[in-house]
Amino acid sequence: MNYRNDNNEPGRILGAVVKVARILLANARLVVAVTFAVMVLAGTYIFLQPNKYTSTASILPSGKSDNFAALRQLAGLTGGNIDIGENSSALFPEILRSNQVRDAVADGDYTYSSGGEQIHFSFKEFFGTDKPEELRDAVDAITGISSDVQTGIITIQVTTEHRTLSQQILKKTLDELERYNNEIRRTQAKESARYLERELKTRQEELTASETRLAEFQKANQNWYSTTDPDILTELARLQRDIEINSQAYLLLREQYELARLGVQKDIPVVSLLDEPTLPTLKSGPNRRVFVFVWGLLTFLGTVIFVLLRQAYRDYSQRSGTHTLGDLGGEIARTFPVVNRLFFKRKAEYSDTTHSLTDDKRE
């Protein structure tokens, strides 16, 4: 089957455009009425929705390094596979999303002002559930957490229907973050101090034992300082080397132990609060104009497509008594010449390919 070029292609396209324009003009009232009705319904719905207010805060890790991470790792005191580094910007979003922080936020009691009246808010009472999973989902639904990879700044946002409530929940979230990190810091410092204390005691015992062995050896060999016996000199050097090694290890652990004891008592902030939770004055949503416009545009396009398909079906019904999907597709293709030509061109290519394959099989 050969494809025949049609030199009157611009005329066909112009005719199709004119035909579509006539159909739309004939059904303009329907298109406008449906679009207007949907926009009114969408506007009514969105205007009944309460305003949303977002409180925002930003934090930055302090960048304080952990001097005892290696010792805790050797002692098996890391408490998991995550390295609790204070300079890790990737860590704090995970802490904020932890069950411990979310549960504490969900268990909090909040009070905000509305119309001059003090209103009490509780997640459990508001959502009517005490299931931890549902309460955590409710906290996640109003909380947004983002971090800047380049600067390390972490931004936390809480969005509710009330200004002061958003601010209070965000403050509670930051308080729980600080408490969580401080507890981890104190726990780790205590673990380091306890571990160093045990190691220091062991090293002291080993140092004392090595000194005792050297004293006993020298007592048994009264002439050790002037002897030329190689066995005595070798054993004497070994005992002195053991004392030197145990003495250096003891001094190092003693220094680290004193630092760890000071670290338990020090209260260094884990994060730097760059921006306090704001009290929002402007609503953050919903964007009612955009909502109504989008629904109106979608309805308009959908109605136009419906009108064109309905007219194509009516045109075909007037010329034929059978009504099948294939016939309807042909009528649509005839209404739009470009679609018609592409359709038959592909059909011709497919037919030629099929015949070619059939001939090859016969050969």
Protein backbone atom coordinates (compact mmCIF):
# COMPACT_ATOMS: atom_id res chain seq x y z
CA MET A 1 0.00 0.00 0.00
CA ASN A 2 1.57 3.32 -1.06
CA TYR A 3 1.10 6.60 0.76
CA ARG A 4 -0.21 9.41 -1.45
CA ASN A 5 0.85 12.94 -0.61
CA ASP A 6 -1.99 15.45 -0.32
CA ASN A 7 -1.10 18.94 -1.51
CA ASN A 8 -4.18 20.43 0.10
CA GLU A 9 -2.97 19.79 3.66
CA PRO A 10 -3.18 23.46 4.83
CA GLY A 11 -6.75 23.66 3.60
CA ARG A 12 -7.70 20.51 5.49
CA ILE A 13 -6.16 21.84 8.70
CA LEU A 14 -7.94 25.19 8.30
CA GLY A 15 -11.21 23.40 7.68
CA ALA A 16 -10.75 21.29 10.80
CA VAL A 17 -10.02 24.38 12.88
CA VAL A 18 -13.11 26.15 11.53
CA LYS A 19 -15.23 23.08 12.25
CA VAL A 20 -13.95 22.84 15.83
CA ALA A 21 -14.59 26.55 16.33
CA ARG A 22 -18.17 26.20 15.10
CA ILE A 23 -18.78 23.25 17.42
CA LEU A 24 -17.44 25.16 20.40
CA LEU A 25 -19.45 28.27 19.56
CA ALA A 26 -22.59 26.17 19.24
CA ASN A 27 -21.93 24.68 22.67
CA ALA A 28 -20.47 27.78 24.29
CA ARG A 29 -23.27 28.01 26.83
CA LEU A 30 -22.70 24.43 27.97
CA VAL A 31 -18.95 24.92 28.30
CA VAL A 32 -19.33 28.18 30.19
CA ALA A 33 -22.12 26.86 32.42
CA VAL A 34 -20.25 23.70 33.44
CA THR A 35 -17.00 25.59 34.01
CA PHE A 36 -18.72 28.28 36.03
CA ALA A 37 -20.62 25.72 38.13
CA VAL A 38 -17.46 23.77 38.98
CA MET A 39 -15.58 26.97 39.81
CA VAL A 40 -18.41 28.03 42.14
CA LEU A 41 -18.33 24.64 43.86
CA ALA A 42 -14.53 24.70 44.12
CA GLY A 43 -14.62 28.27 45.42
CA THR A 44 -17.26 27.38 48.01
CA TYR A 45 -15.23 24.40 49.17
CA ILE A 46 -11.90 26.20 49.39
CA PHE A 47 -13.35 29.28 51.08
CA LEU A 48 -14.82 27.04 53.78
CA GLN A 49 -11.35 25.68 54.51
CA PRO A 50 -9.60 27.44 57.41
CA ASN A 51 -6.42 29.44 56.93
CA LYS A 52 -3.06 27.78 57.62
CA TYR A 53 -0.24 29.48 59.50
CA THR A 54 3.37 28.30 59.44
CA SER A 55 5.92 28.90 62.17
CA THR A 56 9.56 28.56 61.09
CA ALA A 57 12.85 28.06 62.92
CA SER A 58 16.39 27.24 61.80
CA ILE A 59 19.25 25.52 63.59
CA LEU A 60 22.90 24.80 62.86
CA PRO A 61 25.05 21.99 64.31
CA SER A 62 27.72 23.35 66.63
CA GLY A 63 30.50 21.42 64.95
CA LYS A 64 31.95 20.22 68.25
CA SER A 65 33.93 17.03 67.64
CA ASP A 66 33.78 13.96 69.85
CA ASN A 67 37.14 13.10 71.44
CA PHE A 68 35.94 9.79 72.80
CA ALA A 69 34.33 8.23 69.74
CA ALA A 70 37.28 5.93 69.08
CA LEU A 71 37.44 4.79 72.70
CA ARG A 72 33.71 4.06 72.77
CA GLN A 73 34.01 2.13 69.56
CA LEU A 74 36.79 0.00 71.04
CA ALA A 75 34.71 -0.56 74.15
CA GLY A 76 31.57 -1.43 72.18
CA LEU A 77 29.67 1.52 73.66
CA THR A 78 28.49 3.21 70.47
CA GLY A 79 24.95 1.99 71.02
CA GLY A 80 24.25 1.33 67.35
CA ASN A 81 25.57 1.78 63.86
CA ILE A 82 24.96 5.55 63.76
CA ASP A 83 27.86 7.77 64.72
CA ILE A 84 26.42 10.47 66.96
CA GLY A 85 28.53 13.34 65.64
CA GLU A 86 27.57 16.86 66.67
CA ASN A 87 28.68 18.28 63.33
CA SER A 88 26.44 15.97 61.30
CA SER A 89 23.66 17.93 59.58
CA ALA A 90 22.18 14.68 58.34
CA LEU A 91 21.72 13.43 61.91
CA PHE A 92 19.38 16.07 63.32
CA PRO A 93 16.52 15.57 60.80
CA GLU A 94 16.57 11.89 61.75
CA ILE A 95 16.43 12.80 65.44
CA LEU A 96 13.47 15.10 64.76
CA ARG A 97 11.71 12.24 62.97
CA SER A 98 12.49 9.74 65.73
CA ASN A 99 9.67 8.15 67.68
CA GLN A 100 10.97 9.63 70.92
CA VAL A 101 10.68 13.23 69.71
CA ARG A 102 7.38 12.72 67.87
CA ASP A 103 5.81 10.95 70.85
CA ALA A 104 6.85 13.77 73.17
CA VAL A 105 5.36 16.38 70.80
CA ALA A 106 2.13 14.39 70.48
CA ASP A 107 1.86 14.02 74.29
CA GLY A 108 2.28 17.76 74.87
CA ASP A 109 -0.53 20.04 76.04
CA TYR A 110 -0.93 23.33 74.21
CA THR A 111 -3.00 26.44 74.84
CA TYR A 112 -3.67 29.15 72.28
CA SER A 113 -5.89 32.21 71.98
CA SER A 114 -8.75 32.40 69.50
CA GLY A 115 -11.26 35.23 69.53
CA GLY A 116 -10.15 36.29 73.01
CA GLU A 117 -10.72 32.79 74.37
CA GLN A 118 -8.05 30.41 75.67
CA ILE A 119 -8.39 27.04 73.95
CA HIS A 120 -6.71 23.85 75.09
CA PHE A 121 -5.30 21.59 72.38
CA SER A 122 -4.26 17.97 72.71
CA PHE A 123 -3.34 15.67 69.85
CA LYS A 124 -5.10 12.74 71.49
CA GLU A 125 -8.32 14.69 72.08
CA PHE A 126 -8.30 16.47 68.73
CA PHE A 127 -7.75 13.31 66.65
CA GLY A 128 -9.69 11.08 69.03
CA THR A 129 -7.05 8.38 69.28
CA ASP A 130 -4.25 7.27 71.57
CA LYS A 131 -2.54 4.99 69.07
CA PRO A 132 1.13 6.00 68.76
CA GLU A 133 1.29 5.34 65.02
CA GLU A 134 -1.67 7.61 64.23
CA LEU A 135 -0.39 10.37 66.51
CA ARG A 136 3.05 10.23 64.88
CA ASP A 137 1.42 10.52 61.45
CA ALA A 138 -0.49 13.58 62.70
CA VAL A 139 2.76 15.19 63.85
CA ASP A 140 4.41 14.39 60.50
CA ALA A 141 1.46 15.92 58.63
CA ILE A 142 2.03 19.36 60.17
CA THR A 143 5.83 19.29 60.38
CA GLY A 144 8.28 20.00 57.58
CA ILE A 145 12.05 19.47 57.87
CA SER A 146 14.63 20.49 55.28
CA SER A 147 18.40 20.93 55.30
CA ASP A 148 20.85 22.85 53.16
CA VAL A 149 23.67 20.59 52.03
CA GLN A 150 26.11 23.46 51.50
CA THR A 151 25.58 25.45 54.70
CA GLY A 152 24.30 22.66 56.95
CA ILE A 153 21.43 24.85 58.15
CA ILE A 154 18.32 22.87 59.10
CA THR A 155 14.88 24.50 58.75
CA ILE A 156 11.88 23.22 60.71
CA GLN A 157 8.31 24.34 59.96
CA VAL A 158 5.04 23.62 61.72
CA THR A 159 1.72 24.47 60.03
CA THR A 160 -1.63 24.56 61.83
CA GLU A 161 -4.83 26.60 61.73
CA HIS A 162 -3.70 28.91 64.53
CA ARG A 163 -0.67 31.19 64.78
CA THR A 164 0.24 30.61 68.42
CA LEU A 165 -0.42 26.88 68.19
CA SER A 166 2.08 26.52 65.34
CA GLN A 167 4.67 28.42 67.35
CA GLN A 168 4.08 26.39 70.50
CA ILE A 169 4.34 23.03 68.74
CA LEU A 170 7.56 24.13 67.04
CA LYS A 171 9.01 25.26 70.39
CA LYS A 172 8.10 21.90 71.87
CA THR A 173 9.83 20.16 68.96
CA LEU A 174 13.04 22.14 69.48
CA ASP A 175 12.92 21.56 73.24
CA GLU A 176 12.65 17.84 72.67
CA LEU A 177 15.53 17.96 70.20
CA GLU A 178 17.72 19.76 72.74
CA ARG A 179 16.71 17.41 75.56
CA TYR A 180 17.30 14.38 73.39
CA ASN A 181 20.76 15.53 72.38
CA ASN A 182 21.74 16.59 75.88
CA GLU A 183 20.75 13.22 77.26
CA ILE A 184 22.79 11.48 74.59
CA ARG A 185 25.79 13.71 75.33
CA ARG A 186 25.64 13.06 79.06
CA THR A 187 25.12 9.34 78.56
CA GLN A 188 28.06 9.09 76.19
CA ALA A 189 30.30 11.15 78.48
CA LYS A 190 29.42 8.91 81.42
CA GLU A 191 30.06 5.80 79.37
CA SER A 192 33.46 7.17 78.35
CA ALA A 193 34.34 8.04 81.94
CA ARG A 194 33.29 4.61 83.23
CA TYR A 195 35.21 2.85 80.48
CA LEU A 196 38.35 4.92 81.12
CA GLU A 197 38.05 4.33 84.84
CA ARG A 198 37.98 0.55 84.32
CA GLU A 199 40.90 0.69 81.89
CA LEU A 200 42.87 2.96 84.21
CA LYS A 201 42.44 0.54 87.09
CA THR A 202 43.57 -2.36 84.91
CA ARG A 203 46.64 -0.47 83.64
CA GLN A 204 47.54 0.54 87.19
CA GLU A 205 47.42 -3.08 88.31
CA GLU A 206 49.56 -4.14 85.36
CA LEU A 207 52.08 -1.37 86.08
CA THR A 208 52.26 -2.36 89.75
CA ALA A 209 52.71 -6.01 88.80
CA SER A 210 55.52 -5.24 86.35
CA GLU A 211 57.30 -3.07 88.96
CA THR A 212 56.97 -5.90 91.51
CA ARG A 213 58.46 -8.41 89.06
CA LEU A 214 61.41 -6.12 88.39
CA ALA A 215 62.02 -5.60 92.11
CA GLU A 216 61.90 -9.34 92.79
CA PHE A 217 64.25 -10.05 89.88
CA GLN A 218 66.77 -7.45 91.11
CA LYS A 219 66.51 -8.84 94.62
CA ALA A 220 67.20 -12.35 93.35
CA ASN A 221 70.13 -11.08 91.31
CA GLN A 222 72.09 -8.82 93.65
CA ASN A 223 74.78 -8.09 91.07
CA TRP A 224 72.39 -7.25 88.23
CA TYR A 225 73.89 -3.77 87.73
CA SER A 226 77.42 -5.12 87.09
CA THR A 227 76.74 -8.55 85.64
CA THR A 228 77.68 -9.58 82.12
CA ASP A 229 75.40 -12.60 82.07
CA PRO A 230 73.35 -12.31 78.82
CA ASP A 231 70.33 -14.12 80.30
CA ILE A 232 70.15 -11.72 83.24
CA LEU A 233 70.61 -8.68 80.99
CA THR A 234 67.90 -9.89 78.57
CA GLU A 235 65.38 -10.53 81.34
CA LEU A 236 66.24 -7.19 82.97
CA ALA A 237 65.66 -5.32 79.68
CA ARG A 238 62.32 -7.10 79.17
CA LEU A 239 61.08 -6.19 82.64
CA GLN A 240 62.14 -2.56 82.23
CA ARG A 241 60.41 -2.42 78.81
CA ASP A 242 57.17 -3.73 80.35
CA ILE A 243 57.31 -1.01 82.99
CA GLU A 244 57.88 1.65 80.32
CA ILE A 245 54.93 0.47 78.18
CA ASN A 246 52.54 0.15 81.13
CA SER A 247 53.64 3.54 82.47
CA GLN A 248 52.94 5.32 79.15
CA ALA A 249 49.54 3.61 78.79
CA TYR A 250 48.65 4.54 82.35
CA LEU A 251 49.58 8.21 81.89
CA LEU A 252 47.62 8.45 78.62
CA LEU A 253 44.49 6.89 80.12
CA ARG A 254 44.85 9.07 83.21
CA GLU A 255 44.79 12.20 81.08
CA GLN A 256 41.79 11.00 79.07
CA TYR A 257 39.97 10.01 82.26
CA GLU A 258 40.35 13.49 83.74
CA LEU A 259 39.05 15.04 80.50
CA ALA A 260 36.08 12.66 80.50
CA ARG A 261 35.21 13.58 84.09
CA LEU A 262 35.15 17.24 83.10
CA GLY A 263 33.09 16.42 80.00
CA VAL A 264 30.34 14.87 82.13
CA GLN A 265 29.85 18.15 83.98
CA LYS A 266 30.14 20.49 80.99
CA ASP A 267 26.92 21.62 79.29
CA ILE A 268 27.95 22.56 75.75
CA PRO A 269 25.02 23.27 73.37
CA VAL A 270 24.66 20.59 70.72
CA VAL A 271 23.00 22.90 68.19
CA SER A 272 22.99 26.63 67.58
CA LEU A 273 19.52 28.12 67.25
CA LEU A 274 19.78 30.63 64.41
CA ASP A 275 16.12 31.69 64.29
CA GLU A 276 13.62 31.32 67.10
CA PRO A 277 10.19 29.87 66.20
CA THR A 278 8.34 32.71 64.54
CA LEU A 279 4.81 33.87 65.29
CA PRO A 280 3.25 33.92 61.79
CA THR A 281 1.24 36.99 60.84
CA LEU A 282 0.37 36.02 57.26
CA LYS A 283 -1.39 32.86 56.24
CA SER A 284 0.63 30.24 54.38
CA GLY A 285 -2.37 28.62 52.74
CA PRO A 286 -4.58 27.65 51.16
CA ASN A 287 -4.08 29.61 47.93
CA ARG A 288 -7.74 29.99 47.05
CA ARG A 289 -7.27 31.83 43.75
CA VAL A 290 -4.92 29.20 42.35
CA PHE A 291 -7.20 26.41 43.55
CA VAL A 292 -10.27 27.86 41.83
CA PHE A 293 -8.31 28.72 38.66
CA VAL A 294 -6.85 25.21 38.31
CA TRP A 295 -10.23 23.56 38.77
CA GLY A 296 -11.82 25.97 36.30
CA LEU A 297 -9.11 25.30 33.69
CA LEU A 298 -9.38 21.53 34.07
CA THR A 299 -13.15 21.68 33.83
CA PHE A 300 -13.00 23.89 30.73
CA LEU A 301 -10.61 21.53 28.94
CA GLY A 302 -12.60 18.48 29.95
CA THR A 303 -15.86 20.02 28.75
CA VAL A 304 -14.33 21.03 25.41
CA ILE A 305 -13.06 17.49 24.82
CA PHE A 306 -16.45 16.08 25.75
CA VAL A 307 -18.25 18.43 23.34
CA LEU A 308 -15.93 17.54 20.44
CA LEU A 309 -16.23 13.80 21.03
CA ARG A 310 -20.00 14.04 21.34
CA GLN A 311 -20.25 15.97 18.07
CA ALA A 312 -18.03 13.45 16.28
CA TYR A 313 -20.25 10.63 17.48
CA ARG A 314 -23.41 12.45 16.37
CA ASP A 315 -21.98 13.11 12.91
CA TYR A 316 -21.21 9.48 12.44
CA SER A 317 -24.59 8.34 13.80
CA GLN A 318 -26.33 10.40 11.14
CA ARG A 319 -24.50 8.51 8.36
CA SER A 320 -24.54 4.99 9.73
CA GLY A 321 -26.83 2.79 11.72
CA THR A 322 -24.03 0.91 13.51
CA HIS A 323 -22.22 2.37 16.42
CA THR A 324 -18.91 0.78 17.38
CA LEU A 325 -15.78 2.17 18.97
CA GLY A 326 -13.83 1.49 15.80
CA ASP A 327 -16.33 3.47 13.73
CA LEU A 328 -16.22 6.30 16.24
CA GLY A 329 -12.42 6.35 15.99
CA GLY A 330 -12.66 6.64 12.22
CA GLU A 331 -15.09 9.55 12.51
CA ILE A 332 -12.74 11.36 14.88
CA ALA A 333 -9.86 10.76 12.47
CA ARG A 334 -11.91 12.22 9.59
CA THR A 335 -12.76 15.23 11.71
CA PHE A 336 -9.08 15.91 12.27
CA PRO A 337 -7.17 15.36 8.96
CA VAL A 338 -3.74 15.37 10.58
CA VAL A 339 -4.73 12.50 12.84
CA ASN A 340 -6.30 10.80 9.83
CA ARG A 341 -3.13 10.96 7.74
CA LEU A 342 -0.88 9.83 10.57
CA PHE A 343 -3.24 7.00 11.35
CA PHE A 344 -3.39 5.68 7.80
CA LYS A 345 0.34 6.18 7.29
CA ARG A 346 1.15 4.03 10.31
CA LYS A 347 -1.48 1.55 9.24
CA ALA A 348 0.13 1.33 5.81
CA GLU A 349 3.60 0.86 7.31
CA TYR A 350 2.27 -1.83 9.63
CA SER A 351 0.50 -3.56 6.73
CA ASP A 352 3.65 -3.49 4.57
CA THR A 353 5.72 -4.92 7.44
CA THR A 354 3.18 -7.67 8.03
CA HIS A 355 3.11 -8.66 4.36
CA SER A 356 6.91 -8.67 4.26
CA LEU A 357 7.13 -10.99 7.24
CA THR A 358 4.49 -13.29 5.75
CA ASP A 359 6.38 -13.50 2.47
CA ASP A 360 9.62 -14.31 4.30
CA LYS A 361 7.93 -17.15 6.16
CA ARG A 362 6.54 -18.57 2.93
CA GLU A 363 9.97 -18.53 1.30
